[in-house]
PDB file of N, CA and C in Angstrom:
ATOM      1  N   MET A   1      84.169  93.121 128.082  1.00  0.00           N
ATOM      2  CA  MET A   1      83.053  93.290 127.163  1.00  0.00           C
ATOM      3  C   MET A   1      82.241  91.991 127.104  1.00  0.00           C
ATOM      4  N   ILE A   2      80.936  92.123 127.212  1.00  0.00           N
ATOM      5  CA  ILE A   2      80.057  90.970 127.089  1.00  0.00           C
ATOM      6  C   ILE A   2      79.908  90.640 125.611  1.00  0.00           C
ATOM      7  N   LYS A   3      80.112  89.392 125.265  1.00  0.00           N
ATOM      8  CA  LYS A   3      79.943  88.961 123.877  1.00  0.00           C
ATOM      9  C   LYS A   3      78.478  88.643 123.629  1.00  0.00           C
ATOM     10  N   ASN A   4      77.887  89.344 122.684  1.00  0.00           N
ATOM     11  CA  ASN A   4      76.520  89.045 122.302  1.00  0.00           C
ATOM     12  C   ASN A   4      76.492  87.798 121.436  1.00  0.00           C
ATOM     13  N   ASN A   5      75.440  86.992 121.609  1.00  0.00           N
ATOM     14  CA  ASN A   5      75.286  85.757 120.860  1.00  0.00           C
ATOM     15  C   ASN A   5      74.502  86.008 119.576  1.00  0.00           C
ATOM     16  N   ILE A   6      75.085  85.581 118.461  1.00  0.00           N
ATOM     17  CA  ILE A   6      74.489  85.808 117.151  1.00  0.00           C
ATOM     18  C   ILE A   6      74.259  84.488 116.441  1.00  0.00           C
ATOM     19  N   LEU A   7      73.074  84.376 115.845  1.00  0.00           N
ATOM     20  CA  LEU A   7      72.729  83.240 114.997  1.00  0.00           C
ATOM     21  C   LEU A   7      72.745  83.722 113.551  1.00  0.00           C
ATOM     22  N   ILE A   8      73.435  82.997 112.692  1.00  0.00           N
ATOM     23  CA  ILE A   8      73.491  83.317 111.270  1.00  0.00           C
ATOM     24  C   ILE A   8      72.574  82.347 110.533  1.00  0.00           C
ATOM     25  N   VAL A   9      71.619  82.902 109.779  1.00  0.00           N
ATOM     26  CA  VAL A   9      70.704  82.083 108.984  1.00  0.00           C
ATOM     27  C   VAL A   9      70.960  82.436 107.524  1.00  0.00           C
ATOM     28  N   GLU A  10      71.658  81.543 106.840  1.00  0.00           N
ATOM     29  CA  GLU A  10      72.136  81.785 105.478  1.00  0.00           C
ATOM     30  C   GLU A  10      72.300  80.448 104.787  1.00  0.00           C
ATOM     31  N   ASP A  11      71.726  80.319 103.580  1.00  0.00           N
ATOM     32  CA  ASP A  11      71.788  79.024 102.894  1.00  0.00           C
ATOM     33  C   ASP A  11      73.007  78.848 102.002  1.00  0.00           C
ATOM     34  N   ASP A  12      73.821  79.864 101.835  1.00  0.00           N
ATOM     35  CA  ASP A  12      75.060  79.750 101.075  1.00  0.00           C
ATOM     36  C   ASP A  12      76.196  79.558 102.080  1.00  0.00           C
ATOM     37  N   VAL A  13      76.818  78.384 102.061  1.00  0.00           N
ATOM     38  CA  VAL A  13      77.831  78.032 103.052  1.00  0.00           C
ATOM     39  C   VAL A  13      79.006  79.009 103.045  1.00  0.00           C
ATOM     40  N   ILE A  14      79.453  79.400 101.886  1.00  0.00           N
ATOM     41  CA  ILE A  14      80.605  80.301 101.798  1.00  0.00           C
ATOM     42  C   ILE A  14      80.272  81.658 102.408  1.00  0.00           C
ATOM     43  N   ILE A  15      79.110  82.198 102.072  1.00  0.00           N
ATOM     44  CA  ILE A  15      78.692  83.484 102.639  1.00  0.00           C
ATOM     45  C   ILE A  15      78.518  83.356 104.152  1.00  0.00           C
ATOM     46  N   ALA A  16      77.914  82.267 104.600  1.00  0.00           N
ATOM     47  CA  ALA A  16      77.711  82.057 106.038  1.00  0.00           C
ATOM     48  C   ALA A  16      79.049  82.031 106.777  1.00  0.00           C
ATOM     49  N   ARG A  17      80.024  81.340 106.232  1.00  0.00           N
ATOM     50  CA  ARG A  17      81.348  81.264 106.874  1.00  0.00           C
ATOM     51  C   ARG A  17      82.045  82.622 106.875  1.00  0.00           C
ATOM     52  N   CYS A  18      81.882  83.383 105.806  1.00  0.00           N
ATOM     53  CA  CYS A  18      82.468  84.735 105.764  1.00  0.00           C
ATOM     54  C   CYS A  18      81.837  85.629 106.825  1.00  0.00           C
ATOM     55  N   ILE A  19      80.515  85.548 106.967  1.00  0.00           N
ATOM     56  CA  ILE A  19      79.831  86.336 107.991  1.00  0.00           C
ATOM     57  C   ILE A  19      80.276  85.878 109.380  1.00  0.00           C
ATOM     58  N   GLN A  20      80.423  84.573 109.559  1.00  0.00           N
ATOM     59  CA  GLN A  20      80.894  84.054 110.839  1.00  0.00           C
ATOM     60  C   GLN A  20      82.262  84.633 111.195  1.00  0.00           C
ATOM     61  N   MET A  21      83.168  84.647 110.244  1.00  0.00           N
ATOM     62  CA  MET A  21      84.511  85.204 110.484  1.00  0.00           C
ATOM     63  C   MET A  21      84.427  86.686 110.829  1.00  0.00           C
ATOM     64  N   LEU A  22      83.582  87.428 110.104  1.00  0.00           N
ATOM     65  CA  LEU A  22      83.384  88.844 110.411  1.00  0.00           C
ATOM     66  C   LEU A  22      82.893  89.030 111.842  1.00  0.00           C
ATOM     67  N   MET A  23      81.909  88.220 112.237  1.00  0.00           N
ATOM     68  CA  MET A  23      81.339  88.339 113.581  1.00  0.00           C
ATOM     69  C   MET A  23      82.386  88.041 114.644  1.00  0.00           C
ATOM     70  N   MET A  24      83.171  87.009 114.425  1.00  0.00           N
ATOM     71  CA  MET A  24      84.216  86.650 115.385  1.00  0.00           C
ATOM     72  C   MET A  24      85.266  87.754 115.458  1.00  0.00           C
ATOM     73  N   ASN A  25      85.644  88.329 114.309  1.00  0.00           N
ATOM     74  CA  ASN A  25      86.617  89.424 114.289  1.00  0.00           C
ATOM     75  C   ASN A  25      86.095  90.660 115.007  1.00  0.00           C
ATOM     76  N   LEU A  26      84.774  90.841 115.004  1.00  0.00           N
ATOM     77  CA  LEU A  26      84.158  91.987 115.673  1.00  0.00           C
ATOM     78  C   LEU A  26      83.877  91.708 117.156  1.00  0.00           C
ATOM     79  N   GLY A  27      84.181  90.492 117.608  1.00  0.00           N
ATOM     80  CA  GLY A  27      84.043  90.162 119.017  1.00  0.00           C
ATOM     81  C   GLY A  27      82.717  89.549 119.414  1.00  0.00           C
ATOM     82  N   TYR A  28      81.913  89.120 118.440  1.00  0.00           N
ATOM     83  CA  TYR A  28      80.633  88.493 118.746  1.00  0.00           C
ATOM     84  C   TYR A  28      80.788  86.975 118.813  1.00  0.00           C
ATOM     85  N   ASN A  29      79.900  86.346 119.539  1.00  0.00           N
ATOM     86  CA  ASN A  29      79.886  84.898 119.677  1.00  0.00           C
ATOM     87  C   ASN A  29      78.838  84.320 118.725  1.00  0.00           C
ATOM     88  N   VAL A  30      79.274  83.562 117.735  1.00  0.00           N
ATOM     89  CA  VAL A  30      78.352  82.932 116.794  1.00  0.00           C
ATOM     90  C   VAL A  30      77.901  81.607 117.395  1.00  0.00           C
ATOM     91  N   ILE A  31      76.599  81.520 117.712  1.00  0.00           N
ATOM     92  CA  ILE A  31      76.086  80.309 118.363  1.00  0.00           C
ATOM     93  C   ILE A  31      75.634  79.256 117.363  1.00  0.00           C
ATOM     94  N   GLY A  32      75.579  79.640 116.078  1.00  0.00           N
ATOM     95  CA  GLY A  32      75.203  78.665 115.074  1.00  0.00           C
ATOM     96  C   GLY A  32      75.024  79.286 113.710  1.00  0.00           C
ATOM     97  N   ILE A  33      75.097  78.407 112.711  1.00  0.00           N
ATOM     98  CA  ILE A  33      74.803  78.761 111.327  1.00  0.00           C
ATOM     99  C   ILE A  33      73.744  77.779 110.869  1.00  0.00           C
ATOM    100  N   GLU A  34      72.679  78.292 110.304  1.00  0.00           N
ATOM    101  CA  GLU A  34      71.586  77.437 109.857  1.00  0.00           C
ATOM    102  C   GLU A  34      71.157  77.857 108.458  1.00  0.00           C
ATOM    103  N   SER A  35      70.790  76.878 107.630  1.00  0.00           N
ATOM    104  CA  SER A  35      70.403  77.164 106.243  1.00  0.00           C
ATOM    105  C   SER A  35      68.899  77.118 106.015  1.00  0.00           C
ATOM    106  N   THR A  36      68.144  76.664 107.013  1.00  0.00           N
ATOM    107  CA  THR A  36      66.686  76.580 106.855  1.00  0.00           C
ATOM    108  C   THR A  36      65.981  77.358 107.955  1.00  0.00           C
ATOM    109  N   GLY A  37      64.773  77.800 107.632  1.00  0.00           N
ATOM    110  CA  GLY A  37      63.974  78.491 108.633  1.00  0.00           C
ATOM    111  C   GLY A  37      63.608  77.598 109.791  1.00  0.00           C
ATOM    112  N   GLU A  38      63.267  76.357 109.477  1.00  0.00           N
ATOM    113  CA  GLU A  38      62.881  75.402 110.513  1.00  0.00           C
ATOM    114  C   GLU A  38      64.032  75.183 111.501  1.00  0.00           C
ATOM    115  N   GLY A  39      65.224  75.035 110.968  1.00  0.00           N
ATOM    116  CA  GLY A  39      66.399  74.850 111.824  1.00  0.00           C
ATOM    117  C   GLY A  39      66.714  76.092 112.638  1.00  0.00           C
ATOM    118  N   ALA A  40      66.514  77.259 112.039  1.00  0.00           N
ATOM    119  CA  ALA A  40      66.776  78.524 112.739  1.00  0.00           C
ATOM    120  C   ALA A  40      65.841  78.694 113.930  1.00  0.00           C
ATOM    121  N   ILE A  41      64.573  78.333 113.754  1.00  0.00           N
ATOM    122  CA  ILE A  41      63.603  78.433 114.847  1.00  0.00           C
ATOM    123  C   ILE A  41      64.020  77.513 115.998  1.00  0.00           C
ATOM    124  N   LYS A  42      64.473  76.319 115.654  1.00  0.00           N
ATOM    125  CA  LYS A  42      64.914  75.362 116.672  1.00  0.00           C
ATOM    126  C   LYS A  42      66.124  75.900 117.444  1.00  0.00           C
ATOM    127  N   ILE A  43      67.096  76.429 116.728  1.00  0.00           N
ATOM    128  CA  ILE A  43      68.284  76.980 117.391  1.00  0.00           C
ATOM    129  C   ILE A  43      67.904  78.174 118.259  1.00  0.00           C
ATOM    130  N   ALA A  44      67.015  79.038 117.774  1.00  0.00           N
ATOM    131  CA  ALA A  44      66.571  80.199 118.557  1.00  0.00           C
ATOM    132  C   ALA A  44      65.903  79.743 119.853  1.00  0.00           C
ATOM    133  N   ARG A  45      65.091  78.708 119.761  1.00  0.00           N
ATOM    134  CA  ARG A  45      64.403  78.177 120.943  1.00  0.00           C
ATOM    135  C   ARG A  45      65.412  77.611 121.945  1.00  0.00           C
ATOM    136  N   GLU A  46      66.380  76.870 121.460  1.00  0.00           N
ATOM    137  CA  GLU A  46      67.325  76.183 122.343  1.00  0.00           C
ATOM    138  C   GLU A  46      68.424  77.087 122.888  1.00  0.00           C
ATOM    139  N   ASN A  47      68.862  78.070 122.093  1.00  0.00           N
ATOM    140  CA  ASN A  47      70.037  78.861 122.468  1.00  0.00           C
ATOM    141  C   ASN A  47      69.778  80.329 122.732  1.00  0.00           C
ATOM    142  N   LYS A  48      68.596  80.822 122.447  1.00  0.00           N
ATOM    143  CA  LYS A  48      68.203  82.202 122.716  1.00  0.00           C
ATOM    144  C   LYS A  48      69.263  83.233 122.304  1.00  0.00           C
ATOM    145  N   PRO A  49      69.476  83.390 121.001  1.00  0.00           N
ATOM    146  CA  PRO A  49      70.458  84.381 120.543  1.00  0.00           C
ATOM    147  C   PRO A  49      70.002  85.805 120.878  1.00  0.00           C
ATOM    148  N   ASP A  50      70.955  86.714 120.940  1.00  0.00           N
ATOM    149  CA  ASP A  50      70.643  88.123 121.150  1.00  0.00           C
ATOM    150  C   ASP A  50      70.235  88.775 119.833  1.00  0.00           C
ATOM    151  N   LEU A  51      70.752  88.234 118.727  1.00  0.00           N
ATOM    152  CA  LEU A  51      70.498  88.810 117.412  1.00  0.00           C
ATOM    153  C   LEU A  51      70.581  87.713 116.360  1.00  0.00           C
ATOM    154  N   VAL A  52      69.743  87.825 115.332  1.00  0.00           N
ATOM    155  CA  VAL A  52      69.779  86.891 114.208  1.00  0.00           C
ATOM    156  C   VAL A  52      70.079  87.684 112.945  1.00  0.00           C
ATOM    157  N   LEU A  53      71.083  87.239 112.207  1.00  0.00           N
ATOM    158  CA  LEU A  53      71.359  87.765 110.871  1.00  0.00           C
ATOM    159  C   LEU A  53      70.652  86.831 109.904  1.00  0.00           C
ATOM    160  N   MET A  54      69.600  87.325 109.252  1.00  0.00           N
ATOM    161  CA  MET A  54      68.657  86.482 108.518  1.00  0.00           C
ATOM    162  C   MET A  54      68.667  86.775 107.024  1.00  0.00           C
ATOM    163  N   ASP A  55      69.079  85.782 106.239  1.00  0.00           N
ATOM    164  CA  ASP A  55      68.930  85.877 104.792  1.00  0.00           C
ATOM    165  C   ASP A  55      67.437  85.789 104.465  1.00  0.00           C
ATOM    166  N   ILE A  56      67.002  86.431 103.408  1.00  0.00           N
ATOM    167  CA  ILE A  56      65.580  86.406 103.060  1.00  0.00           C
ATOM    168  C   ILE A  56      65.211  85.117 102.333  1.00  0.00           C
ATOM    169  N   LYS A  57      66.058  84.679 101.423  1.00  0.00           N
ATOM    170  CA  LYS A  57      65.779  83.444 100.681  1.00  0.00           C
ATOM    171  C   LYS A  57      66.551  82.303 101.328  1.00  0.00           C
ATOM    172  N   LEU A  58      65.812  81.267 101.752  1.00  0.00           N
ATOM    173  CA  LEU A  58      66.412  80.137 102.460  1.00  0.00           C
ATOM    174  C   LEU A  58      66.002  78.817 101.834  1.00  0.00           C
ATOM    175  N   GLU A  59      66.731  77.764 102.187  1.00  0.00           N
ATOM    176  CA  GLU A  59      66.323  76.415 101.827  1.00  0.00           C
ATOM    177  C   GLU A  59      65.119  76.042 102.692  1.00  0.00           C
ATOM    178  N   GLY A  60      64.361  75.050 102.271  1.00  0.00           N
ATOM    179  CA  GLY A  60      63.258  74.564 103.082  1.00  0.00           C
ATOM    180  C   GLY A  60      61.940  75.260 102.779  1.00  0.00           C
ATOM    181  N   TYR A  61      60.988  75.050 103.669  1.00  0.00           N
ATOM    182  CA  TYR A  61      59.631  75.540 103.459  1.00  0.00           C
ATOM    183  C   TYR A  61      59.442  77.009 103.824  1.00  0.00           C
ATOM    184  N   LEU A  62      60.207  77.501 104.783  1.00  0.00           N
ATOM    185  CA  LEU A  62      60.049  78.873 105.254  1.00  0.00           C
ATOM    186  C   LEU A  62      61.114  79.775 104.655  1.00  0.00           C
ATOM    187  N   ASP A  63      60.710  80.964 104.198  1.00  0.00           N
ATOM    188  CA  ASP A  63      61.714  81.945 103.787  1.00  0.00           C
ATOM    189  C   ASP A  63      62.153  82.724 105.035  1.00  0.00           C
ATOM    190  N   GLY A  64      63.080  83.639 104.859  1.00  0.00           N
ATOM    191  CA  GLY A  64      63.609  84.380 105.996  1.00  0.00           C
ATOM    192  C   GLY A  64      62.585  85.255 106.686  1.00  0.00           C
ATOM    193  N   ILE A  65      61.657  85.791 105.932  1.00  0.00           N
ATOM    194  CA  ILE A  65      60.623  86.656 106.516  1.00  0.00           C
ATOM    195  C   ILE A  65      59.668  85.830 107.374  1.00  0.00           C
ATOM    196  N   GLN A  66      59.227  84.692 106.858  1.00  0.00           N
ATOM    197  CA  GLN A  66      58.352  83.820 107.642  1.00  0.00           C
ATOM    198  C   GLN A  66      59.064  83.322 108.902  1.00  0.00           C
ATOM    199  N   THR A  67      60.335  82.993 108.755  1.00  0.00           N
ATOM    200  CA  THR A  67      61.130  82.528 109.890  1.00  0.00           C
ATOM    201  C   THR A  67      61.266  83.618 110.937  1.00  0.00           C
ATOM    202  N   ALA A  68      61.574  84.831 110.491  1.00  0.00           N
ATOM    203  CA  ALA A  68      61.719  85.963 111.420  1.00  0.00           C
ATOM    204  C   ALA A  68      60.427  86.211 112.186  1.00  0.00           C
ATOM    205  N   LYS A  69      59.295  86.132 111.497  1.00  0.00           N
ATOM    206  CA  LYS A  69      58.005  86.334 112.170  1.00  0.00           C
ATOM    207  C   LYS A  69      57.807  85.318 113.284  1.00  0.00           C
ATOM    208  N   GLN A  70      58.160  84.059 113.033  1.00  0.00           N
ATOM    209  CA  GLN A  70      58.020  83.016 114.043  1.00  0.00           C
ATOM    210  C   GLN A  70      58.971  83.245 115.222  1.00  0.00           C
ATOM    211  N   ILE A  71      60.198  83.603 114.919  1.00  0.00           N
ATOM    212  CA  ILE A  71      61.178  83.827 115.986  1.00  0.00           C
ATOM    213  C   ILE A  71      60.764  85.019 116.843  1.00  0.00           C
ATOM    214  N   ILE A  72      60.364  86.105 116.223  1.00  0.00           N
ATOM    215  CA  ILE A  72      59.945  87.297 116.961  1.00  0.00           C
ATOM    216  C   ILE A  72      58.688  87.025 117.786  1.00  0.00           C
ATOM    217  N   LYS A  73      57.797  86.229 117.245  1.00  0.00           N
ATOM    218  CA  LYS A  73      56.545  85.916 117.939  1.00  0.00           C
ATOM    219  C   LYS A  73      56.797  85.208 119.276  1.00  0.00           C
ATOM    220  N   PHE A  74      57.762  84.323 119.311  1.00  0.00           N
ATOM    221  CA  PHE A  74      57.978  83.503 120.496  1.00  0.00           C
ATOM    222  C   PHE A  74      59.188  83.887 121.339  1.00  0.00           C
ATOM    223  N   TYR A  75      60.145  84.593 120.783  1.00  0.00           N
ATOM    224  CA  TYR A  75      61.382  84.886 121.498  1.00  0.00           C
ATOM    225  C   TYR A  75      61.725  86.360 121.335  1.00  0.00           C
ATOM    226  N   ASP A  76      62.343  86.934 122.338  1.00  0.00           N
ATOM    227  CA  ASP A  76      62.754  88.338 122.300  1.00  0.00           C
ATOM    228  C   ASP A  76      64.122  88.423 121.621  1.00  0.00           C
ATOM    229  N   VAL A  77      64.103  88.410 120.293  1.00  0.00           N
ATOM    230  CA  VAL A  77      65.343  88.382 119.514  1.00  0.00           C
ATOM    231  C   VAL A  77      65.313  89.497 118.472  1.00  0.00           C
ATOM    232  N   LYS A  78      66.425  90.161 118.304  1.00  0.00           N
ATOM    233  CA  LYS A  78      66.556  91.200 117.284  1.00  0.00           C
ATOM    234  C   LYS A  78      66.932  90.533 115.963  1.00  0.00           C
ATOM    235  N   ILE A  79      66.354  91.039 114.868  1.00  0.00           N
ATOM    236  CA  ILE A  79      66.609  90.475 113.538  1.00  0.00           C
ATOM    237  C   ILE A  79      67.172  91.562 112.629  1.00  0.00           C
ATOM    238  N   ILE A  80      68.240  91.239 111.927  1.00  0.00           N
ATOM    239  CA  ILE A  80      68.752  92.073 110.831  1.00  0.00           C
ATOM    240  C   ILE A  80      68.703  91.199 109.591  1.00  0.00           C
ATOM    241  N   PHE A  81      68.037  91.691 108.559  1.00  0.00           N
ATOM    242  CA  PHE A  81      67.937  90.938 107.318  1.00  0.00           C
ATOM    243  C   PHE A  81      69.160  91.191 106.449  1.00  0.00           C
ATOM    244  N   ILE A  82      69.563  90.143 105.730  1.00  0.00           N
ATOM    245  CA  ILE A  82      70.682  90.212 104.786  1.00  0.00           C
ATOM    246  C   ILE A  82      70.202  89.605 103.477  1.00  0.00           C
ATOM    247  N   SER A  83      70.425  90.307 102.384  1.00  0.00           N
ATOM    248  CA  SER A  83      70.036  89.745 101.091  1.00  0.00           C
ATOM    249  C   SER A  83      70.745  90.470  99.953  1.00  0.00           C
ATOM    250  N   GLY A  84      70.929  89.753  98.878  1.00  0.00           N
ATOM    251  CA  GLY A  84      71.476  90.348  97.666  1.00  0.00           C
ATOM    252  C   GLY A  84      70.377  90.860  96.757  1.00  0.00           C
ATOM    253  N   TYR A  85      69.152  90.544  97.104  1.00  0.00           N
ATOM    254  CA  TYR A  85      68.020  90.920  96.274  1.00  0.00           C
ATOM    255  C   TYR A  85      66.874  91.338  97.181  1.00  0.00           C
ATOM    256  N   LEU A  86      66.384  92.538  96.993  1.00  0.00           N
ATOM    257  CA  LEU A  86      65.280  93.029  97.814  1.00  0.00           C
ATOM    258  C   LEU A  86      64.178  93.535  96.898  1.00  0.00           C
ATOM    259  N   SER A  87      63.208  92.674  96.641  1.00  0.00           N
ATOM    260  CA  SER A  87      62.081  93.056  95.796  1.00  0.00           C
ATOM    261  C   SER A  87      61.148  93.993  96.568  1.00  0.00           C
ATOM    262  N   LYS A  88      60.251  94.614  95.849  1.00  0.00           N
ATOM    263  CA  LYS A  88      59.272  95.499  96.475  1.00  0.00           C
ATOM    264  C   LYS A  88      58.438  94.724  97.495  1.00  0.00           C
ATOM    265  N   LYS A  89      58.068  93.493  97.149  1.00  0.00           N
ATOM    266  CA  LYS A  89      57.284  92.638  98.045  1.00  0.00           C
ATOM    267  C   LYS A  89      58.036  92.386  99.348  1.00  0.00           C
ATOM    268  N   PHE A  90      59.306  91.988  99.257  1.00  0.00           N
ATOM    269  CA  PHE A  90      60.096  91.730 100.452  1.00  0.00           C
ATOM    270  C   PHE A  90      60.305  93.008 101.255  1.00  0.00           C
ATOM    271  N   ARG A  91      60.524  94.122 100.568  1.00  0.00           N
ATOM    272  CA  ARG A  91      60.727  95.405 101.249  1.00  0.00           C
ATOM    273  C   ARG A  91      59.505  95.743 102.109  1.00  0.00           C
ATOM    274  N   GLU A  92      58.327  95.566 101.537  1.00  0.00           N
ATOM    275  CA  GLU A  92      57.092  95.842 102.276  1.00  0.00           C
ATOM    276  C   GLU A  92      56.949  94.899 103.467  1.00  0.00           C
ATOM    277  N   GLU A  93      57.300  93.631 103.261  1.00  0.00           N
ATOM    278  CA  GLU A  93      57.156  92.656 104.342  1.00  0.00           C
ATOM    279  C   GLU A  93      58.125  92.914 105.488  1.00  0.00           C
ATOM    280  N   ILE A  94      59.372  93.261 105.179  1.00  0.00           N
ATOM    281  CA  ILE A  94      60.329  93.466 106.277  1.00  0.00           C
ATOM    282  C   ILE A  94      60.054  94.758 107.034  1.00  0.00           C
ATOM    283  N   THR A  95      59.401  95.720 106.411  1.00  0.00           N
ATOM    284  CA  THR A  95      59.057  96.935 107.143  1.00  0.00           C
ATOM    285  C   THR A  95      57.905  96.688 108.110  1.00  0.00           C
ATOM    286  N   ASP A  96      57.115  95.648 107.875  1.00  0.00           N
ATOM    287  CA  ASP A  96      56.014  95.304 108.778  1.00  0.00           C
ATOM    288  C   ASP A  96      56.478  94.473 109.975  1.00  0.00           C
ATOM    289  N   ILE A  97      57.681  93.953 109.903  1.00  0.00           N
ATOM    290  CA  ILE A  97      58.240  93.132 110.982  1.00  0.00           C
ATOM    291  C   ILE A  97      59.058  94.038 111.893  1.00  0.00           C
ATOM    292  N   LYS A  98      59.134  93.683 113.150  1.00  0.00           N
ATOM    293  CA  LYS A  98      59.950  94.449 114.095  1.00  0.00           C
ATOM    294  C   LYS A  98      61.424  94.097 113.883  1.00  0.00           C
ATOM    295  N   SER A  99      61.943  94.463 112.717  1.00  0.00           N
ATOM    296  CA  SER A  99      63.345  94.166 112.421  1.00  0.00           C
ATOM    297  C   SER A  99      64.201  95.358 112.819  1.00  0.00           C
ATOM    298  N   PHE A 100      65.488  95.118 112.850  1.00  0.00           N
ATOM    299  CA  PHE A 100      66.420  96.161 113.237  1.00  0.00           C
ATOM    300  C   PHE A 100      67.292  96.621 112.083  1.00  0.00           C
ATOM    301  N   GLY A 101      66.917  96.240 110.859  1.00  0.00           N
ATOM    302  CA  GLY A 101      67.670  96.748 109.734  1.00  0.00           C
ATOM    303  C   GLY A 101      67.829  95.748 108.611  1.00  0.00           C
ATOM    304  N   PHE A 102      68.587  96.202 107.619  1.00  0.00           N
ATOM    305  CA  PHE A 102      68.835  95.437 106.406  1.00  0.00           C
ATOM    306  C   PHE A 102      70.256  95.713 105.958  1.00  0.00           C
ATOM    307  N   VAL A 103      70.966  94.655 105.571  1.00  0.00           N
ATOM    308  CA  VAL A 103      72.321  94.766 105.035  1.00  0.00           C
ATOM    309  C   VAL A 103      72.333  94.065 103.692  1.00  0.00           C
ATOM    310  N   SER A 104      72.880  94.727 102.688  1.00  0.00           N
ATOM    311  CA  SER A 104      72.964  94.162 101.337  1.00  0.00           C
ATOM    312  C   SER A 104      74.170  93.250 101.203  1.00  0.00           C
ATOM    313  N   LYS A 105      74.016  92.230 100.356  1.00  0.00           N
ATOM    314  CA  LYS A 105      75.148  91.389  99.967  1.00  0.00           C
ATOM    315  C   LYS A 105      75.791  92.018  98.747  1.00  0.00           C
ATOM    316  N   PRO A 106      77.076  91.916  98.574  1.00  0.00           N
ATOM    317  CA  PRO A 106      78.017  91.281  99.485  1.00  0.00           C
ATOM    318  C   PRO A 106      78.146  92.091 100.775  1.00  0.00           C
ATOM    319  N   VAL A 107      78.293  91.370 101.878  1.00  0.00           N
ATOM    320  CA  VAL A 107      78.322  91.997 103.194  1.00  0.00           C
ATOM    321  C   VAL A 107      79.633  92.746 103.377  1.00  0.00           C
ATOM    322  N   ASN A 108      79.502  93.988 103.808  1.00  0.00           N
ATOM    323  CA  ASN A 108      80.633  94.855 104.080  1.00  0.00           C
ATOM    324  C   ASN A 108      80.816  94.932 105.598  1.00  0.00           C
ATOM    325  N   GLU A 109      82.036  94.767 106.078  1.00  0.00           N
ATOM    326  CA  GLU A 109      82.294  94.737 107.523  1.00  0.00           C
ATOM    327  C   GLU A 109      81.812  96.003 108.225  1.00  0.00           C
ATOM    328  N   ASP A 110      82.095  97.161 107.663  1.00  0.00           N
ATOM    329  CA  ASP A 110      81.668  98.408 108.303  1.00  0.00           C
ATOM    330  C   ASP A 110      80.149  98.528 108.353  1.00  0.00           C
ATOM    331  N   GLU A 111      79.487  98.142 107.279  1.00  0.00           N
ATOM    332  CA  GLU A 111      78.028  98.249 107.215  1.00  0.00           C
ATOM    333  C   GLU A 111      77.355  97.299 108.206  1.00  0.00           C
ATOM    334  N   ILE A 112      77.807  96.061 108.240  1.00  0.00           N
ATOM    335  CA  ILE A 112      77.175  95.099 109.152  1.00  0.00           C
ATOM    336  C   ILE A 112      77.509  95.425 110.605  1.00  0.00           C
ATOM    337  N   SER A 113      78.721  95.902 110.854  1.00  0.00           N
ATOM    338  CA  SER A 113      79.107  96.295 112.205  1.00  0.00           C
ATOM    339  C   SER A 113      78.226  97.437 112.703  1.00  0.00           C
ATOM    340  N   LEU A 114      77.998  98.424 111.867  1.00  0.00           N
ATOM    341  CA  LEU A 114      77.137  99.552 112.240  1.00  0.00           C
ATOM    342  C   LEU A 114      75.703  99.103 112.478  1.00  0.00           C
ATOM    343  N   ALA A 115      75.190  98.249 111.609  1.00  0.00           N
ATOM    344  CA  ALA A 115      73.818  97.755 111.767  1.00  0.00           C
ATOM    345  C   ALA A 115      73.659  97.006 113.089  1.00  0.00           C
ATOM    346  N   ILE A 116      74.635  96.194 113.439  1.00  0.00           N
ATOM    347  CA  ILE A 116      74.572  95.429 114.682  1.00  0.00           C
ATOM    348  C   ILE A 116      74.685  96.356 115.893  1.00  0.00           C
ATOM    349  N   GLU A 117      75.615  97.291 115.847  1.00  0.00           N
ATOM    350  CA  GLU A 117      75.761  98.246 116.956  1.00  0.00           C
ATOM    351  C   GLU A 117      74.471  99.024 117.164  1.00  0.00           C
ATOM    352  N   MET A 118      73.850  99.456 116.081  1.00  0.00           N
ATOM    353  CA  MET A 118      72.590 100.194 116.184  1.00  0.00           C
ATOM    354  C   MET A 118      71.490  99.304 116.753  1.00  0.00           C
ATOM    355  N   ALA A 119      71.443  98.053 116.326  1.00  0.00           N
ATOM    356  CA  ALA A 119      70.420  97.139 116.831  1.00  0.00           C
ATOM    357  C   ALA A 119      70.563  96.928 118.333  1.00  0.00           C
ATOM    358  N   PHE A 120      71.763  96.791 118.813  1.00  0.00           N
ATOM    359  CA  PHE A 120      71.979  96.563 120.237  1.00  0.00           C
ATOM    360  C   PHE A 120      71.771  97.825 121.067  1.00  0.00           C
ATOM    361  N   SER A 121      71.783  98.983 120.420  1.00  0.00           N
ATOM    362  CA  SER A 121      71.652 100.232 121.184  1.00  0.00           C
ATOM    363  C   SER A 121      70.240 100.810 121.194  1.00  0.00           C
ATOM    364  N   LYS A 122      69.278 100.162 120.503  1.00  0.00           N
ATOM    365  CA  LYS A 122      67.945 100.753 120.459  1.00  0.00           C
ATOM    366  C   LYS A 122      66.845  99.704 120.542  1.00  0.00           C
ATOM    367  N   LYS A 123      65.662 100.205 120.704  1.00  0.00           N
ATOM    368  CA  LYS A 123      64.466  99.370 120.744  1.00  0.00           C
ATOM    369  C   LYS A 123      63.991  99.145 119.319  1.00  0.00           C
ATOM    370  N   TYR A 124      62.837  98.492 119.170  1.00  0.00           N
ATOM    371  CA  TYR A 124      62.306  98.207 117.844  1.00  0.00           C
ATOM    372  C   TYR A 124      62.111  99.467 117.016  1.00  0.00           C
ATOM    373  N   LEU A 125      62.318  99.350 115.690  1.00  0.00           N
ATOM    374  CA  LEU A 125      62.144 100.476 114.764  1.00  0.00           C
ATOM    375  C   LEU A 125      60.691 100.876 114.678  1.00  0.00           C
TER     376      LEU A 125
END
């Protein structure tokens, strides 16, 4: 089995580490964990992940939606958003982006596994 490379963009260290463990248990290769949009863009440029798990609220100047737009604009990367809070504004914004889904926090292994499998099996929504 080919291990897909996943970048985790999450500003809560504990949540990021839990997601990392889930990804490793599911057989994915985590190429990095980043807490800022600026750092995520840099890692995407340097390491070309197959998929990004993107929190909506991040440290730094860019939120997850702005970061996803930049990554999608320059790199062929699939994005799945993760958040504990999804306002109407964010909902509208993520539907305008070529994302591959949304997973609510707290992250459930079955839910995130299904979202990732679906993302890898299809084209843009």
